[in-house]
C-alpha atoms as a PDB file:
ATOM      1  CA  MET A   1     147.075  47.450 143.521  1.00  0.00           C
ATOM      2  CA  TYR A   2     146.542  49.817 140.575  1.00  0.00           C
ATOM      3  CA  ALA A   3     144.589  47.139 138.730  1.00  0.00           C
ATOM      4  CA  LEU A   4     141.725  47.562 141.199  1.00  0.00           C
ATOM      5  CA  ASP A   5     141.502  51.261 140.320  1.00  0.00           C
ATOM      6  CA  ALA A   6     141.318  50.380 136.630  1.00  0.00           C
ATOM      7  CA  LEU A   7     138.710  47.670 137.236  1.00  0.00           C
ATOM      8  CA  LYS A   8     136.450  50.153 139.051  1.00  0.00           C
ATOM      9  CA  THR A   9     136.191  52.233 135.860  1.00  0.00           C
ATOM     10  CA  MET A  10     135.342  49.276 133.613  1.00  0.00           C
ATOM     11  CA  LYS A  11     131.953  47.924 132.520  1.00  0.00           C
ATOM     12  CA  ILE A  12     130.503  44.492 133.227  1.00  0.00           C
ATOM     13  CA  GLY A  13     131.979  41.929 130.842  1.00  0.00           C
ATOM     14  CA  GLU A  14     135.198  43.833 130.162  1.00  0.00           C
ATOM     15  CA  VAL A  15     138.527  42.092 130.803  1.00  0.00           C
ATOM     16  CA  LEU A  16     141.677  43.683 132.177  1.00  0.00           C
ATOM     17  CA  GLN A  17     145.082  42.235 131.342  1.00  0.00           C
ATOM     18  CA  VAL A  18     147.554  42.723 134.181  1.00  0.00           C
ATOM     19  CA  ILE A  19     151.270  42.116 133.650  1.00  0.00           C
ATOM     20  CA  ALA A  20     153.431  41.860 136.757  1.00  0.00           C
ATOM     21  CA  ASP A  21     157.029  40.900 137.412  1.00  0.00           C
ATOM     22  CA  CYS A  22     156.873  40.476 141.190  1.00  0.00           C
ATOM     23  CA  PRO A  23     156.798  36.798 142.245  1.00  0.00           C
ATOM     24  CA  GLN A  24     154.411  37.637 145.112  1.00  0.00           C
ATOM     25  CA  SER A  25     151.822  38.860 142.625  1.00  0.00           C
ATOM     26  CA  PHE A  26     151.252  35.250 141.515  1.00  0.00           C
ATOM     27  CA  ARG A  27     149.151  34.858 144.682  1.00  0.00           C
ATOM     28  CA  SER A  28     148.238  38.405 145.645  1.00  0.00           C
ATOM     29  CA  VAL A  29     146.676  39.589 142.367  1.00  0.00           C
ATOM     30  CA  PRO A  30     144.130  36.733 142.096  1.00  0.00           C
ATOM     31  CA  GLU A  31     143.335  36.932 145.820  1.00  0.00           C
ATOM     32  CA  GLU A  32     142.670  40.683 145.695  1.00  0.00           C
ATOM     33  CA  ALA A  33     140.650  40.461 142.490  1.00  0.00           C
ATOM     34  CA  VAL A  34     138.350  37.763 143.874  1.00  0.00           C
ATOM     35  CA  LYS A  35     138.118  39.511 147.249  1.00  0.00           C
ATOM     36  CA  HIS A  36     136.800  42.626 145.488  1.00  0.00           C
ATOM     37  CA  GLY A  37     134.239  40.697 143.429  1.00  0.00           C
ATOM     38  CA  TYR A  38     136.075  40.249 140.129  1.00  0.00           C
ATOM     39  CA  GLN A  39     136.693  36.987 138.268  1.00  0.00           C
ATOM     40  CA  LEU A  40     140.049  35.576 137.234  1.00  0.00           C
ATOM     41  CA  ILE A  41     139.228  34.068 133.831  1.00  0.00           C
ATOM     42  CA  THR A  42     142.418  32.040 133.358  1.00  0.00           C
ATOM     43  CA  GLU A  43     145.168  30.770 135.585  1.00  0.00           C
ATOM     44  CA  PRO A  44     148.118  33.173 135.837  1.00  0.00           C
ATOM     45  CA  LYS A  45     150.595  32.582 132.999  1.00  0.00           C
ATOM     46  CA  LYS A  46     154.317  33.036 133.559  1.00  0.00           C
ATOM     47  CA  ILE A  47     156.350  34.014 130.506  1.00  0.00           C
ATOM     48  CA  GLY A  48     159.953  34.732 131.363  1.00  0.00           C
ATOM     49  CA  GLN A  49     159.858  36.946 134.444  1.00  0.00           C
ATOM     50  CA  ASP A  50     156.428  38.376 133.604  1.00  0.00           C
ATOM     51  CA  ILE A  51     153.179  37.013 135.000  1.00  0.00           C
ATOM     52  CA  TYR A  52     149.977  37.621 133.011  1.00  0.00           C
ATOM     53  CA  PHE A  53     146.545  37.830 134.624  1.00  0.00           C
ATOM     54  CA  TYR A  54     143.162  38.285 132.944  1.00  0.00           C
ATOM     55  CA  ILE A  55     140.507  39.696 135.254  1.00  0.00           C
ATOM     56  CA  LYS A  56     136.849  40.089 134.271  1.00  0.00           C
ATOM     57  CA  VAL A  57     134.370  42.593 135.664  1.00  0.00           C
ATOM     58  CA  VAL A  58     131.292  40.598 136.661  1.00  0.00           C
ATOM     59  CA  LYS A  59     129.267  43.085 138.718  1.00  0.00           C
END
């Protein structure tokens, strides 16, 4: 997941917006983010075929 690479370069408190169009990402993106110590700050939002995630760097 490229989002994890981006998150590694970010500072504590910064938020990454991830936009995906793969239905599997609805589960996999939040699971991977939490597994690696990041925080999902809102529930995934589906708009059309796109799914929006907001992930915060907390450590």
